[in-house]
C-alpha atoms as a PDB file:
ATOM      1  CA  MET A   1      31.529 -13.146   3.210  1.00  0.00           C
ATOM      2  CA  LYS A   2      29.355 -10.241   4.359  1.00  0.00           C
ATOM      3  CA  HIS A   3      30.829  -6.792   3.733  1.00  0.00           C
ATOM      4  CA  HIS A   4      29.502  -5.077   6.860  1.00  0.00           C
ATOM      5  CA  ARG A   5      28.621  -6.251  10.350  1.00  0.00           C
ATOM      6  CA  LEU A   6      25.550  -4.607  11.857  1.00  0.00           C
ATOM      7  CA  ALA A   7      24.611  -4.916  15.544  1.00  0.00           C
ATOM      8  CA  ILE A   8      21.170  -3.947  16.859  1.00  0.00           C
ATOM      9  CA  VAL A   9      20.922  -3.404  20.623  1.00  0.00           C
ATOM     10  CA  ARG A  10      17.697  -4.047  22.536  1.00  0.00           C
ATOM     11  CA  GLN A  11      17.926  -4.901  26.229  1.00  0.00           C
ATOM     12  CA  LYS A  12      14.960  -7.256  26.339  1.00  0.00           C
ATOM     13  CA  TYR A  13      13.323  -8.713  23.268  1.00  0.00           C
ATOM     14  CA  ARG A  14       9.649  -9.696  23.394  1.00  0.00           C
ATOM     15  CA  PRO A  15       7.829 -10.327  20.108  1.00  0.00           C
ATOM     16  CA  ASP A  16       4.810  -8.254  21.216  1.00  0.00           C
ATOM     17  CA  GLY A  17       6.679  -5.016  21.959  1.00  0.00           C
ATOM     18  CA  GLY A  18       6.677  -1.984  19.654  1.00  0.00           C
ATOM     19  CA  ALA A  19      10.457  -1.538  19.494  1.00  0.00           C
ATOM     20  CA  GLU A  20      10.850  -5.298  19.166  1.00  0.00           C
ATOM     21  CA  ARG A  21       8.607  -5.342  16.095  1.00  0.00           C
ATOM     22  CA  PHE A  22      10.756  -2.577  14.662  1.00  0.00           C
ATOM     23  CA  VAL A  23      13.819  -4.762  15.287  1.00  0.00           C
ATOM     24  CA  SER A  24      12.339  -7.955  13.820  1.00  0.00           C
ATOM     25  CA  ARG A  25      11.028  -6.178  10.719  1.00  0.00           C
ATOM     26  CA  ALA A  26      14.336  -4.404  10.225  1.00  0.00           C
ATOM     27  CA  LEU A  27      16.191  -7.708  10.501  1.00  0.00           C
ATOM     28  CA  THR A  28      13.814  -9.361   8.036  1.00  0.00           C
ATOM     29  CA  ALA A  29      14.136  -6.475   5.572  1.00  0.00           C
ATOM     30  CA  LEU A  30      17.935  -6.470   5.872  1.00  0.00           C
ATOM     31  CA  SER A  31      18.316 -10.231   5.496  1.00  0.00           C
ATOM     32  CA  ASN A  32      18.682  -9.963   1.726  1.00  0.00           C
ATOM     33  CA  GLN A  33      21.331  -7.250   1.986  1.00  0.00           C
ATOM     34  CA  ASN A  34      25.050  -7.873   2.147  1.00  0.00           C
ATOM     35  CA  LEU A  35      25.087  -7.550   5.945  1.00  0.00           C
ATOM     36  CA  GLU A  36      25.985  -9.757   8.872  1.00  0.00           C
ATOM     37  CA  LEU A  37      23.064  -9.256  11.274  1.00  0.00           C
ATOM     38  CA  ASN A  38      23.705  -9.290  15.025  1.00  0.00           C
ATOM     39  CA  VAL A  39      21.461  -8.602  18.010  1.00  0.00           C
ATOM     40  CA  ILE A  40      22.736  -7.733  21.499  1.00  0.00           C
ATOM     41  CA  THR A  41      20.111  -8.438  24.159  1.00  0.00           C
ATOM     42  CA  ARG A  42      19.590  -9.762  27.666  1.00  0.00           C
ATOM     43  CA  GLU A  43      16.968 -12.211  26.501  1.00  0.00           C
ATOM     44  CA  TRP A  44      15.526 -13.292  23.164  1.00  0.00           C
ATOM     45  CA  GLN A  45      11.964 -14.542  22.820  1.00  0.00           C
ATOM     46  CA  GLY A  46      10.326 -15.593  19.584  1.00  0.00           C
ATOM     47  CA  GLU A  47      11.532 -16.903  16.266  1.00  0.00           C
ATOM     48  CA  LYS A  48      14.744 -16.026  14.512  1.00  0.00           C
ATOM     49  CA  GLN A  49      16.300 -16.724  11.160  1.00  0.00           C
ATOM     50  CA  ASP A  50      19.419 -18.827  10.799  1.00  0.00           C
ATOM     51  CA  ASP A  51      21.548 -15.887   9.681  1.00  0.00           C
ATOM     52  CA  TRP A  52      20.731 -13.763  12.743  1.00  0.00           C
ATOM     53  CA  HIS A  53      23.488 -13.866  15.366  1.00  0.00           C
ATOM     54  CA  ILE A  54      21.994 -13.402  18.846  1.00  0.00           C
ATOM     55  CA  HIS A  55      24.452 -12.253  21.525  1.00  0.00           C
ATOM     56  CA  ILE A  56      23.039 -12.782  25.027  1.00  0.00           C
ATOM     57  CA  CYS A  57      24.380 -10.089  27.326  1.00  0.00           C
ATOM     58  CA  ASN A  58      22.801 -10.618  30.746  1.00  0.00           C
ATOM     59  CA  PRO A  59      24.820  -9.212  33.672  1.00  0.00           C
ATOM     60  CA  GLN A  60      23.384  -9.437  37.173  1.00  0.00           C
ATOM     61  CA  LYS A  61      21.006  -6.718  38.295  1.00  0.00           C
ATOM     62  CA  TRP A  62      19.812  -5.626  41.734  1.00  0.00           C
ATOM     63  CA  GLY A  63      17.529  -2.748  40.807  1.00  0.00           C
ATOM     64  CA  ARG A  64      16.546  -0.447  37.981  1.00  0.00           C
ATOM     65  CA  ILE A  65      19.778   1.545  37.915  1.00  0.00           C
ATOM     66  CA  SER A  66      22.037  -1.507  38.023  1.00  0.00           C
ATOM     67  CA  ARG A  67      19.866  -3.122  35.341  1.00  0.00           C
ATOM     68  CA  GLU A  68      20.330  -0.202  32.946  1.00  0.00           C
ATOM     69  CA  ARG A  69      23.952   0.561  33.809  1.00  0.00           C
ATOM     70  CA  GLY A  70      25.014  -3.091  33.812  1.00  0.00           C
ATOM     71  CA  PHE A  71      23.512  -3.829  30.420  1.00  0.00           C
ATOM     72  CA  ALA A  72      24.900  -0.619  28.925  1.00  0.00           C
ATOM     73  CA  GLN A  73      28.435  -1.398  30.097  1.00  0.00           C
ATOM     74  CA  ALA A  74      28.281  -5.048  29.040  1.00  0.00           C
ATOM     75  CA  ALA A  75      26.716  -4.300  25.653  1.00  0.00           C
ATOM     76  CA  ARG A  76      29.287  -1.610  24.866  1.00  0.00           C
ATOM     77  CA  ALA A  77      32.154  -3.898  25.900  1.00  0.00           C
ATOM     78  CA  LEU A  78      30.753  -6.629  23.649  1.00  0.00           C
ATOM     79  CA  TRP A  79      30.365  -4.451  20.566  1.00  0.00           C
ATOM     80  CA  GLN A  80      33.828  -2.965  21.068  1.00  0.00           C
ATOM     81  CA  GLN A  81      35.300  -6.448  21.395  1.00  0.00           C
ATOM     82  CA  GLN A  82      33.423  -7.660  18.299  1.00  0.00           C
ATOM     83  CA  GLN A  83      34.337  -4.497  16.341  1.00  0.00           C
ATOM     84  CA  PHE A  84      31.014  -4.222  14.536  1.00  0.00           C
ATOM     85  CA  ASP A  85      30.910  -1.776  11.637  1.00  0.00           C
ATOM     86  CA  ILE A  86      27.561  -0.241  12.665  1.00  0.00           C
ATOM     87  CA  VAL A  87      25.837  -0.293  16.067  1.00  0.00           C
ATOM     88  CA  GLN A  88      22.173   0.739  16.138  1.00  0.00           C
ATOM     89  CA  SER A  89      20.790   0.976  19.661  1.00  0.00           C
ATOM     90  CA  HIS A  90      17.285   1.160  21.082  1.00  0.00           C
ATOM     91  CA  GLU A  91      18.802   1.843  24.509  1.00  0.00           C
ATOM     92  CA  ARG A  92      20.452   5.025  25.784  1.00  0.00           C
ATOM     93  CA  ILE A  93      24.060   3.829  25.542  1.00  0.00           C
ATOM     94  CA  PRO A  94      26.891   6.273  24.754  1.00  0.00           C
ATOM     95  CA  GLY A  95      29.063   5.103  21.868  1.00  0.00           C
ATOM     96  CA  CYS A  96      26.432   3.759  19.466  1.00  0.00           C
ATOM     97  CA  ASP A  97      26.418   4.920  15.834  1.00  0.00           C
ATOM     98  CA  ILE A  98      22.637   5.168  15.412  1.00  0.00           C
ATOM     99  CA  TYR A  99      20.047   5.660  18.148  1.00  0.00           C
ATOM    100  CA  ARG A 100      16.309   5.121  17.772  1.00  0.00           C
ATOM    101  CA  ALA A 101      14.543   7.444  20.202  1.00  0.00           C
ATOM    102  CA  GLY A 102      11.506   5.217  20.601  1.00  0.00           C
ATOM    103  CA  ASP A 103      10.746   6.613  24.069  1.00  0.00           C
ATOM    104  CA  GLY A 104      11.304  10.249  23.153  1.00  0.00           C
ATOM    105  CA  VAL A 105      13.228  12.555  25.489  1.00  0.00           C
ATOM    106  CA  HIS A 106      13.089  11.288  29.076  1.00  0.00           C
ATOM    107  CA  ARG A 107      13.048  14.735  30.707  1.00  0.00           C
ATOM    108  CA  ARG A 108      10.127  15.825  28.534  1.00  0.00           C
ATOM    109  CA  TRP A 109       8.226  12.670  29.468  1.00  0.00           C
ATOM    110  CA  LEU A 110       8.827  13.382  33.160  1.00  0.00           C
ATOM    111  CA  LEU A 111       7.546  16.936  32.747  1.00  0.00           C
ATOM    112  CA  GLN A 112       4.354  15.657  31.147  1.00  0.00           C
ATOM    113  CA  ARG A 113       3.904  13.098  33.891  1.00  0.00           C
ATOM    114  CA  ALA A 114       4.547  15.720  36.594  1.00  0.00           C
ATOM    115  CA  ARG A 115       1.652  17.839  35.308  1.00  0.00           C
ATOM    116  CA  ILE A 116      -0.897  15.411  36.765  1.00  0.00           C
ATOM    117  CA  LEU A 117       0.882  14.897  40.099  1.00  0.00           C
ATOM    118  CA  PRO A 118       0.754  16.896  43.338  1.00  0.00           C
ATOM    119  CA  ALA A 119       3.627  19.390  43.568  1.00  0.00           C
ATOM    120  CA  TRP A 120       5.566  17.364  46.145  1.00  0.00           C
ATOM    121  CA  ARG A 121       5.356  14.186  44.078  1.00  0.00           C
ATOM    122  CA  ALA A 122       6.338  16.035  40.912  1.00  0.00           C
ATOM    123  CA  GLN A 123       9.462  17.346  42.653  1.00  0.00           C
ATOM    124  CA  MET A 124      10.328  13.874  43.936  1.00  0.00           C
ATOM    125  CA  LEU A 125       9.896  12.500  40.426  1.00  0.00           C
ATOM    126  CA  MET A 126      12.440  14.895  38.938  1.00  0.00           C
ATOM    127  CA  TYR A 127      14.978  14.096  41.686  1.00  0.00           C
ATOM    128  CA  ASP A 128      14.468  10.338  41.624  1.00  0.00           C
ATOM    129  CA  ARG A 129      17.843   8.567  41.328  1.00  0.00           C
ATOM    130  CA  TYR A 130      16.715   6.287  38.521  1.00  0.00           C
ATOM    131  CA  HIS A 131      15.299   9.092  36.393  1.00  0.00           C
ATOM    132  CA  ARG A 132      18.398  11.199  36.980  1.00  0.00           C
ATOM    133  CA  TYR A 133      20.525   8.257  35.823  1.00  0.00           C
ATOM    134  CA  VAL A 134      18.450   7.880  32.638  1.00  0.00           C
ATOM    135  CA  MET A 135      18.679  11.610  31.863  1.00  0.00           C
ATOM    136  CA  ARG A 136      22.443  11.577  32.430  1.00  0.00           C
ATOM    137  CA  ALA A 137      22.933   8.513  30.211  1.00  0.00           C
ATOM    138  CA  GLU A 138      20.757  10.104  27.536  1.00  0.00           C
ATOM    139  CA  ARG A 139      22.796  13.313  27.538  1.00  0.00           C
ATOM    140  CA  GLU A 140      26.095  11.395  27.416  1.00  0.00           C
ATOM    141  CA  MET A 141      24.830   9.392  24.453  1.00  0.00           C
ATOM    142  CA  TYR A 142      23.772  12.473  22.481  1.00  0.00           C
ATOM    143  CA  GLN A 143      27.090  14.171  23.224  1.00  0.00           C
ATOM    144  CA  ALA A 144      29.213  11.132  22.300  1.00  0.00           C
ATOM    145  CA  PRO A 145      31.332  11.704  19.169  1.00  0.00           C
ATOM    146  CA  GLU A 146      30.427   8.245  17.816  1.00  0.00           C
ATOM    147  CA  LEU A 147      26.761   9.172  17.315  1.00  0.00           C
ATOM    148  CA  LYS A 148      26.086   9.663  13.608  1.00  0.00           C
ATOM    149  CA  ALA A 149      22.291   9.553  13.317  1.00  0.00           C
ATOM    150  CA  VAL A 150      19.090   9.525  15.364  1.00  0.00           C
ATOM    151  CA  ILE A 151      15.763   8.000  14.319  1.00  0.00           C
ATOM    152  CA  CYS A 152      12.467   9.180  15.798  1.00  0.00           C
ATOM    153  CA  ASN A 153       8.838   8.809  14.768  1.00  0.00           C
ATOM    154  CA  ALA A 154       7.558  12.372  15.189  1.00  0.00           C
ATOM    155  CA  GLU A 155       8.611  15.918  14.376  1.00  0.00           C
ATOM    156  CA  MET A 156       7.833  16.853  17.993  1.00  0.00           C
ATOM    157  CA  ILE A 157      10.451  14.389  19.263  1.00  0.00           C
ATOM    158  CA  LYS A 158      12.977  15.717  16.771  1.00  0.00           C
ATOM    159  CA  ARG A 159      12.336  19.274  17.937  1.00  0.00           C
ATOM    160  CA  GLU A 160      12.713  18.306  21.610  1.00  0.00           C
ATOM    161  CA  ILE A 161      16.019  16.519  20.948  1.00  0.00           C
ATOM    162  CA  VAL A 162      17.400  19.575  19.149  1.00  0.00           C
ATOM    163  CA  GLU A 163      16.236  21.909  21.934  1.00  0.00           C
ATOM    164  CA  ASP A 164      17.453  19.796  24.871  1.00  0.00           C
ATOM    165  CA  PHE A 165      20.742  18.476  23.500  1.00  0.00           C
ATOM    166  CA  ASP A 166      21.785  21.015  20.839  1.00  0.00           C
ATOM    167  CA  ILE A 167      22.016  18.272  18.220  1.00  0.00           C
ATOM    168  CA  ASP A 168      22.379  19.155  14.542  1.00  0.00           C
ATOM    169  CA  ALA A 169      18.872  18.722  13.112  1.00  0.00           C
ATOM    170  CA  ASN A 170      20.360  17.106   9.998  1.00  0.00           C
ATOM    171  CA  LYS A 171      21.433  14.169  12.169  1.00  0.00           C
ATOM    172  CA  ILE A 172      17.838  13.402  13.145  1.00  0.00           C
ATOM    173  CA  HIS A 173      15.606  11.463  10.762  1.00  0.00           C
ATOM    174  CA  VAL A 174      11.841  11.220  11.265  1.00  0.00           C
ATOM    175  CA  ILE A 175      10.519   7.830  10.148  1.00  0.00           C
ATOM    176  CA  TYR A 176       6.836   7.394  10.860  1.00  0.00           C
ATOM    177  CA  ASN A 177       5.499   4.092  12.139  1.00  0.00           C
ATOM    178  CA  SER A 178       4.092   2.045   9.295  1.00  0.00           C
ATOM    179  CA  ILE A 179       0.896   0.003   9.125  1.00  0.00           C
ATOM    180  CA  ASP A 180       0.754  -3.440   7.557  1.00  0.00           C
ATOM    181  CA  SER A 181      -2.228  -2.950   5.252  1.00  0.00           C
ATOM    182  CA  SER A 182      -2.456  -6.699   4.638  1.00  0.00           C
ATOM    183  CA  ARG A 183      -3.203  -7.266   8.356  1.00  0.00           C
ATOM    184  CA  PHE A 184      -4.956  -4.042   9.345  1.00  0.00           C
ATOM    185  CA  VAL A 185      -7.685  -3.277   6.828  1.00  0.00           C
ATOM    186  CA  PRO A 186      -9.984  -0.288   7.519  1.00  0.00           C
ATOM    187  CA  ALA A 187     -13.596  -1.308   8.063  1.00  0.00           C
ATOM    188  CA  GLN A 188     -16.004  -0.675   5.213  1.00  0.00           C
ATOM    189  CA  GLU A 189     -19.006   1.594   5.653  1.00  0.00           C
ATOM    190  CA  ALA A 190     -21.386  -1.353   5.994  1.00  0.00           C
ATOM    191  CA  GLN A 191     -19.243  -2.900   8.744  1.00  0.00           C
ATOM    192  CA  ARG A 192     -19.109   0.394  10.632  1.00  0.00           C
ATOM    193  CA  ALA A 193     -22.886   0.766  10.374  1.00  0.00           C
ATOM    194  CA  ILE A 194     -23.423  -2.698  11.878  1.00  0.00           C
ATOM    195  CA  LEU A 195     -21.042  -1.934  14.759  1.00  0.00           C
ATOM    196  CA  ARG A 196     -22.760   1.396  15.452  1.00  0.00           C
ATOM    197  CA  GLN A 197     -26.113  -0.355  15.635  1.00  0.00           C
ATOM    198  CA  THR A 198     -24.651  -2.929  18.025  1.00  0.00           C
ATOM    199  CA  ILE A 199     -23.403  -0.297  20.485  1.00  0.00           C
ATOM    200  CA  TRP A 200     -26.345   2.089  19.932  1.00  0.00           C
ATOM    201  CA  PHE A 201     -24.285   4.826  18.286  1.00  0.00           C
ATOM    202  CA  ALA A 202     -26.102   7.042  15.809  1.00  0.00           C
ATOM    203  CA  SER A 203     -24.474   7.481  12.409  1.00  0.00           C
ATOM    204  CA  ARG A 204     -24.082  11.247  12.960  1.00  0.00           C
ATOM    205  CA  CYS A 205     -22.095  10.773  16.199  1.00  0.00           C
ATOM    206  CA  ARG A 206     -18.326  10.918  16.072  1.00  0.00           C
ATOM    207  CA  CYS A 207     -16.425   8.083  17.750  1.00  0.00           C
ATOM    208  CA  VAL A 208     -13.074   8.597  19.442  1.00  0.00           C
ATOM    209  CA  LEU A 209     -10.916   5.723  20.695  1.00  0.00           C
ATOM    210  CA  PHE A 210      -9.041   6.641  23.881  1.00  0.00           C
ATOM    211  CA  CYS A 211      -6.062   4.531  24.924  1.00  0.00           C
ATOM    212  CA  ARG A 212      -5.010   5.213  28.503  1.00  0.00           C
ATOM    213  CA  LEU A 213      -1.472   6.456  28.988  1.00  0.00           C
ATOM    214  CA  ARG A 214       0.395   4.006  31.191  1.00  0.00           C
ATOM    215  CA  VAL A 215       2.325   5.837  33.912  1.00  0.00           C
END
C-alpha cells in the first residue's frame, strides 16, 4: 500500500505542451517512490503507466470563464472527495497545496502585453471579464491557507509573486527548466561552420535566434 496519495492537476493534457512535459517527467520520476500517483484533467492524450490514476474531470463549458471556473470547481470537489494527501496544481485553483506558476503572474503578463497596444485597447484588456476572473482566481489561490509552496522557473517570477501577493519568499522555490542532454546535444564547431556556410553567415557574425511571443 502506498503511504501518500499525490494528485497533479492540469486542465488539458497534451504530450507536446511545456507544462505537460513537466507533469509526465514528474510522474515518471516519482513512479519509483512510495506514492500513489493521480492526475486530474479534462482530457488525457498520450501514453501513461499502469500505476498512474487518471481522473477525467470535464464539466460543460460555454466560454473561457465557464471553462476555467467549471474545471476549478469540479477539480477541487474531486480532490476533496478523494482526500488526497498532496495536491499540486498547474491551474490557478484556490485550495491546492503546491502551485507551479508556469505562466507567471497574470497581471504582469497583461501589463507587458498592453505596452504594445494602443491606449484604448490596453485599457480594454485590463478590464476584460476573463482576465479579471483569472486575476481574481490567482489572488484567491495565493491567499488560501492551504497553499504551502509555489514553484516557478525564474527569479523574476518569484519577485513578482512576492510583490503582488505579499507571499513569504521562503514559500517560493525557483526550479529552472532542465535540458535533456541525451536528446539536445550542442552542435560542434565543425557543424556550426557548415551551417554558417550554408546560410552565408561569416564566422565573425553573431547569430541570435528570435522566437516570436504569441499574444
